[in-house]
Amino acid sequence: MEAIGEDPTREGLQETPERVARMYRELFSGVGEDPQTAIDAVFESDNDDPVVLGNVPFYSMCEHHLLPFFGQAHLAYVPNGKIAGLSKLVRALEVSSKRLQVQERLTGQVADAIFSALNPHGVAVEVEAEHFCMSMRGVQKPGSRVVTTAVRGRFQSCAIDREGLLALLRRR
């Protein structure tokens, strides 16, 4: 606080360091956790039709500027004998997003977690987000959205290919 010219002893700031520490514990609660372990409700299934979970809100913190980025994630997989509780997929996203992060890595971590936990025919994850490091500083372009995708697996053994799966993600 002193570095920006504030008086840390003034009334409104006296408890700020403790509040920030509590906030950081919450915002970075995914540090040291494996997102794959969040997918712990797995069930046998003979279904091989695509499972699509769209418009899942998330927020994370840019590791370069310590500013938030936030948006929506869209997850899809083609089962190969196993399905997961849907909330567990969201939990994998939460674990991955609650750490210092870049969007590209976040997208891949979620796809890898689903792929490792379920061994599906294929996985596709699309993340679209607004980054405060672009909105409120630097180029100052609020409303700009970054879209990243990660696709895992082989689609030869199912009736849907990479483009078909990505099209399902976009049809939200």
C-alpha atoms as a PDB file:
ATOM      1  CA  MET A   1       0.000   0.000   0.000  1.00  0.00           C
ATOM      2  CA  GLU A   2       2.886   2.284   0.739  1.00  0.00           C
ATOM      3  CA  ALA A   3       4.260   1.676  -2.778  1.00  0.00           C
ATOM      4  CA  ILE A   4       1.141   3.319  -4.287  1.00  0.00           C
ATOM      5  CA  GLY A   5       1.195   6.212  -1.831  1.00  0.00           C
ATOM      6  CA  GLU A   6      -1.417   4.926   0.649  1.00  0.00           C
ATOM      7  CA  ASP A   7      -1.196   5.076   4.410  1.00  0.00           C
ATOM      8  CA  PRO A   8      -1.714   1.487   5.658  1.00  0.00           C
ATOM      9  CA  THR A   9      -2.539   2.811   9.121  1.00  0.00           C
ATOM     10  CA  ARG A  10      -5.585   4.822   8.059  1.00  0.00           C
ATOM     11  CA  GLU A  11      -8.918   3.496   9.278  1.00  0.00           C
ATOM     12  CA  GLY A  12     -10.224   2.021   6.016  1.00  0.00           C
ATOM     13  CA  LEU A  13      -7.008   0.123   5.290  1.00  0.00           C
ATOM     14  CA  GLN A  14      -6.029  -1.308   8.681  1.00  0.00           C
ATOM     15  CA  GLU A  15      -7.688  -4.700   8.078  1.00  0.00           C
ATOM     16  CA  THR A  16      -7.072  -4.794   4.331  1.00  0.00           C
ATOM     17  CA  PRO A  17      -4.031  -7.114   4.444  1.00  0.00           C
ATOM     18  CA  GLU A  18      -6.061  -9.775   6.309  1.00  0.00           C
ATOM     19  CA  ARG A  19      -9.017  -9.384   3.918  1.00  0.00           C
ATOM     20  CA  VAL A  20      -6.710  -9.734   0.924  1.00  0.00           C
ATOM     21  CA  ALA A  21      -5.079 -12.835   2.432  1.00  0.00           C
ATOM     22  CA  ARG A  22      -8.524 -14.470   2.918  1.00  0.00           C
ATOM     23  CA  MET A  23      -9.528 -13.497  -0.619  1.00  0.00           C
ATOM     24  CA  TYR A  24      -6.319 -14.960  -2.063  1.00  0.00           C
ATOM     25  CA  ARG A  25      -6.866 -18.251  -0.192  1.00  0.00           C
ATOM     26  CA  GLU A  26     -10.266 -18.490  -1.902  1.00  0.00           C
ATOM     27  CA  LEU A  27      -9.175 -17.271  -5.355  1.00  0.00           C
ATOM     28  CA  PHE A  28      -6.162 -19.591  -5.432  1.00  0.00           C
ATOM     29  CA  SER A  29      -7.707 -22.626  -3.733  1.00  0.00           C
ATOM     30  CA  GLY A  30      -6.874 -24.765  -6.793  1.00  0.00           C
ATOM     31  CA  VAL A  31      -3.118 -24.453  -6.263  1.00  0.00           C
ATOM     32  CA  GLY A  32      -1.668 -27.894  -5.578  1.00  0.00           C
ATOM     33  CA  GLU A  33      -4.891 -29.706  -6.536  1.00  0.00           C
ATOM     34  CA  ASP A  34      -5.197 -32.047  -9.498  1.00  0.00           C
ATOM     35  CA  PRO A  35      -8.295 -31.265 -11.587  1.00  0.00           C
ATOM     36  CA  GLN A  36      -8.586 -34.934 -12.580  1.00  0.00           C
ATOM     37  CA  THR A  37      -9.244 -35.922  -8.959  1.00  0.00           C
ATOM     38  CA  ALA A  38     -12.292 -33.619  -8.988  1.00  0.00           C
ATOM     39  CA  ILE A  39     -13.922 -36.047 -11.427  1.00  0.00           C
ATOM     40  CA  ASP A  40     -14.597 -38.644  -8.748  1.00  0.00           C
ATOM     41  CA  ALA A  41     -18.157 -39.688  -9.631  1.00  0.00           C
ATOM     42  CA  VAL A  42     -17.615 -41.978 -12.625  1.00  0.00           C
ATOM     43  CA  PHE A  43     -20.188 -44.505 -13.779  1.00  0.00           C
ATOM     44  CA  GLU A  44     -20.177 -47.373 -16.246  1.00  0.00           C
ATOM     45  CA  SER A  45     -22.301 -46.690 -19.323  1.00  0.00           C
ATOM     46  CA  ASP A  46     -22.829 -48.204 -22.739  1.00  0.00           C
ATOM     47  CA  ASN A  47     -23.785 -44.771 -24.075  1.00  0.00           C
ATOM     48  CA  ASP A  48     -21.495 -43.368 -26.751  1.00  0.00           C
ATOM     49  CA  ASP A  49     -23.536 -40.293 -27.660  1.00  0.00           C
ATOM     50  CA  PRO A  50     -21.840 -36.928 -27.072  1.00  0.00           C
ATOM     51  CA  VAL A  51     -22.259 -35.246 -23.704  1.00  0.00           C
ATOM     52  CA  VAL A  52     -22.161 -31.448 -23.944  1.00  0.00           C
ATOM     53  CA  LEU A  53     -22.106 -29.049 -21.001  1.00  0.00           C
ATOM     54  CA  GLY A  54     -22.212 -25.428 -22.082  1.00  0.00           C
ATOM     55  CA  ASN A  55     -22.140 -21.905 -20.721  1.00  0.00           C
ATOM     56  CA  VAL A  56     -20.351 -22.755 -17.487  1.00  0.00           C
ATOM     57  CA  PRO A  57     -19.213 -19.473 -15.913  1.00  0.00           C
ATOM     58  CA  PHE A  58     -15.719 -19.253 -14.436  1.00  0.00           C
ATOM     59  CA  TYR A  59     -13.131 -16.731 -13.344  1.00  0.00           C
ATOM     60  CA  SER A  60      -9.401 -16.978 -12.960  1.00  0.00           C
ATOM     61  CA  MET A  61      -6.383 -14.763 -12.408  1.00  0.00           C
ATOM     62  CA  CYS A  62      -3.864 -13.898 -15.102  1.00  0.00           C
ATOM     63  CA  GLU A  63      -0.430 -15.021 -13.997  1.00  0.00           C
ATOM     64  CA  HIS A  64       1.214 -12.156 -15.893  1.00  0.00           C
ATOM     65  CA  HIS A  65      -0.684  -9.210 -14.354  1.00  0.00           C
ATOM     66  CA  LEU A  66      -2.570 -10.628 -11.348  1.00  0.00           C
ATOM     67  CA  LEU A  67      -5.788  -9.370 -12.882  1.00  0.00           C
ATOM     68  CA  PRO A  68      -8.938 -11.431 -13.395  1.00  0.00           C
ATOM     69  CA  PHE A  69     -10.151 -13.019 -16.569  1.00  0.00           C
ATOM     70  CA  PHE A  70     -13.612 -14.472 -16.699  1.00  0.00           C
ATOM     71  CA  GLY A  71     -16.065 -15.991 -19.100  1.00  0.00           C
ATOM     72  CA  GLN A  72     -17.712 -19.261 -20.016  1.00  0.00           C
ATOM     73  CA  ALA A  73     -16.470 -22.745 -20.686  1.00  0.00           C
ATOM     74  CA  HIS A  74     -18.101 -25.330 -22.936  1.00  0.00           C
ATOM     75  CA  LEU A  75     -17.184 -28.974 -22.380  1.00  0.00           C
ATOM     76  CA  ALA A  76     -17.983 -32.036 -24.478  1.00  0.00           C
ATOM     77  CA  TYR A  77     -16.922 -35.641 -24.551  1.00  0.00           C
ATOM     78  CA  VAL A  78     -17.883 -38.835 -26.335  1.00  0.00           C
ATOM     79  CA  PRO A  79     -18.119 -41.637 -23.739  1.00  0.00           C
ATOM     80  CA  ASN A  80     -16.203 -44.868 -24.065  1.00  0.00           C
ATOM     81  CA  GLY A  81     -17.801 -46.988 -21.339  1.00  0.00           C
ATOM     82  CA  LYS A  82     -17.745 -44.299 -18.640  1.00  0.00           C
ATOM     83  CA  ILE A  83     -19.668 -41.141 -17.861  1.00  0.00           C
ATOM     84  CA  ALA A  84     -19.113 -38.605 -15.088  1.00  0.00           C
ATOM     85  CA  GLY A  85     -21.352 -36.654 -12.784  1.00  0.00           C
ATOM     86  CA  LEU A  86     -21.804 -33.338 -14.566  1.00  0.00           C
ATOM     87  CA  SER A  87     -20.964 -31.291 -11.495  1.00  0.00           C
ATOM     88  CA  LYS A  88     -17.619 -33.091 -11.384  1.00  0.00           C
ATOM     89  CA  LEU A  89     -16.715 -31.695 -14.791  1.00  0.00           C
ATOM     90  CA  VAL A  90     -17.511 -28.233 -13.457  1.00  0.00           C
ATOM     91  CA  ARG A  91     -15.386 -28.979 -10.405  1.00  0.00           C
ATOM     92  CA  ALA A  92     -12.413 -29.817 -12.655  1.00  0.00           C
ATOM     93  CA  LEU A  93     -12.863 -26.415 -14.295  1.00  0.00           C
ATOM     94  CA  GLU A  94     -13.009 -24.756 -10.867  1.00  0.00           C
ATOM     95  CA  VAL A  95      -9.813 -26.446  -9.663  1.00  0.00           C
ATOM     96  CA  SER A  96      -7.965 -25.429 -12.839  1.00  0.00           C
ATOM     97  CA  SER A  97      -9.240 -21.863 -12.779  1.00  0.00           C
ATOM     98  CA  LYS A  98      -8.517 -21.159  -9.109  1.00  0.00           C
ATOM     99  CA  ARG A  99      -4.798 -20.642  -9.529  1.00  0.00           C
ATOM    100  CA  LEU A 100      -2.542 -18.216 -11.368  1.00  0.00           C
ATOM    101  CA  GLN A 101      -3.290 -19.127 -14.925  1.00  0.00           C
ATOM    102  CA  VAL A 102      -3.251 -18.375 -18.620  1.00  0.00           C
ATOM    103  CA  GLN A 103      -6.341 -19.210 -20.639  1.00  0.00           C
ATOM    104  CA  GLU A 104      -4.525 -21.507 -23.047  1.00  0.00           C
ATOM    105  CA  ARG A 105      -3.215 -23.696 -20.216  1.00  0.00           C
ATOM    106  CA  LEU A 106      -6.562 -23.642 -18.395  1.00  0.00           C
ATOM    107  CA  THR A 107      -8.334 -24.976 -21.486  1.00  0.00           C
ATOM    108  CA  GLY A 108      -5.839 -27.796 -21.896  1.00  0.00           C
ATOM    109  CA  GLN A 109      -5.867 -28.726 -18.207  1.00  0.00           C
ATOM    110  CA  VAL A 110      -9.641 -29.185 -18.221  1.00  0.00           C
ATOM    111  CA  ALA A 111      -9.518 -31.273 -21.417  1.00  0.00           C
ATOM    112  CA  ASP A 112      -6.682 -33.395 -19.994  1.00  0.00           C
ATOM    113  CA  ALA A 113      -8.552 -33.951 -16.712  1.00  0.00           C
ATOM    114  CA  ILE A 114     -11.684 -35.185 -18.496  1.00  0.00           C
ATOM    115  CA  PHE A 115      -9.657 -37.329 -20.882  1.00  0.00           C
ATOM    116  CA  SER A 116      -7.618 -38.913 -18.086  1.00  0.00           C
ATOM    117  CA  ALA A 117     -10.558 -39.531 -15.754  1.00  0.00           C
ATOM    118  CA  LEU A 118     -12.952 -41.005 -18.339  1.00  0.00           C
ATOM    119  CA  ASN A 119     -10.784 -42.307 -21.188  1.00  0.00           C
ATOM    120  CA  PRO A 120     -13.476 -41.184 -23.667  1.00  0.00           C
ATOM    121  CA  HIS A 121     -13.333 -41.462 -27.429  1.00  0.00           C
ATOM    122  CA  GLY A 122     -12.801 -37.720 -27.511  1.00  0.00           C
ATOM    123  CA  VAL A 123     -12.979 -34.501 -25.526  1.00  0.00           C
ATOM    124  CA  ALA A 124     -13.414 -30.916 -26.648  1.00  0.00           C
ATOM    125  CA  VAL A 125     -13.192 -27.866 -24.412  1.00  0.00           C
ATOM    126  CA  GLU A 126     -13.773 -24.296 -25.509  1.00  0.00           C
ATOM    127  CA  VAL A 127     -13.161 -21.354 -23.202  1.00  0.00           C
ATOM    128  CA  GLU A 128     -14.075 -17.784 -24.037  1.00  0.00           C
ATOM    129  CA  ALA A 129     -13.095 -15.006 -21.679  1.00  0.00           C
ATOM    130  CA  GLU A 130     -12.553 -11.316 -21.187  1.00  0.00           C
ATOM    131  CA  HIS A 131      -9.206 -10.388 -19.680  1.00  0.00           C
ATOM    132  CA  PHE A 132      -8.962  -7.362 -17.420  1.00  0.00           C
ATOM    133  CA  CYS A 133      -5.304  -7.015 -18.443  1.00  0.00           C
ATOM    134  CA  MET A 134      -6.677  -6.046 -21.882  1.00  0.00           C
ATOM    135  CA  SER A 135      -9.832  -4.287 -20.685  1.00  0.00           C
ATOM    136  CA  MET A 136      -8.637  -1.946 -17.959  1.00  0.00           C
ATOM    137  CA  ARG A 137      -4.933  -1.487 -18.691  1.00  0.00           C
ATOM    138  CA  GLY A 138      -2.597  -1.748 -21.661  1.00  0.00           C
ATOM    139  CA  VAL A 139      -4.651  -1.560 -24.861  1.00  0.00           C
ATOM    140  CA  GLN A 140      -7.852  -0.882 -22.846  1.00  0.00           C
ATOM    141  CA  LYS A 141     -10.298  -2.754 -25.074  1.00  0.00           C
ATOM    142  CA  PRO A 142     -13.195  -3.840 -22.839  1.00  0.00           C
ATOM    143  CA  GLY A 143     -15.481  -6.449 -24.331  1.00  0.00           C
ATOM    144  CA  SER A 144     -12.707  -8.187 -26.254  1.00  0.00           C
ATOM    145  CA  ARG A 145     -13.050 -11.954 -25.916  1.00  0.00           C
ATOM    146  CA  VAL A 146     -10.345 -14.577 -26.252  1.00  0.00           C
ATOM    147  CA  VAL A 147     -11.414 -18.046 -27.424  1.00  0.00           C
ATOM    148  CA  THR A 148      -9.257 -21.119 -26.840  1.00  0.00           C
ATOM    149  CA  THR A 149      -9.990 -24.748 -27.630  1.00  0.00           C
ATOM    150  CA  ALA A 150      -8.469 -28.065 -26.697  1.00  0.00           C
ATOM    151  CA  VAL A 151      -9.394 -31.378 -28.328  1.00  0.00           C
ATOM    152  CA  ARG A 152      -8.183 -34.756 -27.094  1.00  0.00           C
ATOM    153  CA  GLY A 153      -8.686 -38.323 -28.244  1.00  0.00           C
ATOM    154  CA  ARG A 154      -9.438 -40.216 -31.403  1.00  0.00           C
ATOM    155  CA  PHE A 155     -12.740 -39.854 -33.143  1.00  0.00           C
ATOM    156  CA  GLN A 156     -12.467 -42.711 -35.654  1.00  0.00           C
ATOM    157  CA  SER A 157     -14.505 -45.104 -33.511  1.00  0.00           C
ATOM    158  CA  CYS A 158     -17.514 -42.844 -33.065  1.00  0.00           C
ATOM    159  CA  ALA A 159     -19.936 -41.153 -35.406  1.00  0.00           C
ATOM    160  CA  ILE A 160     -18.686 -37.634 -34.700  1.00  0.00           C
ATOM    161  CA  ASP A 161     -15.439 -36.013 -35.774  1.00  0.00           C
ATOM    162  CA  ARG A 162     -13.431 -33.092 -34.383  1.00  0.00           C
ATOM    163  CA  GLU A 163     -15.362 -30.472 -36.340  1.00  0.00           C
ATOM    164  CA  GLY A 164     -18.689 -32.000 -35.362  1.00  0.00           C
ATOM    165  CA  LEU A 165     -17.768 -31.957 -31.702  1.00  0.00           C
ATOM    166  CA  LEU A 166     -16.580 -28.357 -31.868  1.00  0.00           C
ATOM    167  CA  ALA A 167     -19.818 -27.416 -33.666  1.00  0.00           C
ATOM    168  CA  LEU A 168     -21.785 -28.942 -30.771  1.00  0.00           C
ATOM    169  CA  LEU A 169     -19.823 -26.782 -28.340  1.00  0.00           C
ATOM    170  CA  ARG A 170     -20.647 -23.654 -30.294  1.00  0.00           C
ATOM    171  CA  ARG A 171     -24.358 -24.473 -30.492  1.00  0.00           C
ATOM    172  CA  ARG A 172     -25.130 -23.211 -27.030  1.00  0.00           C
END
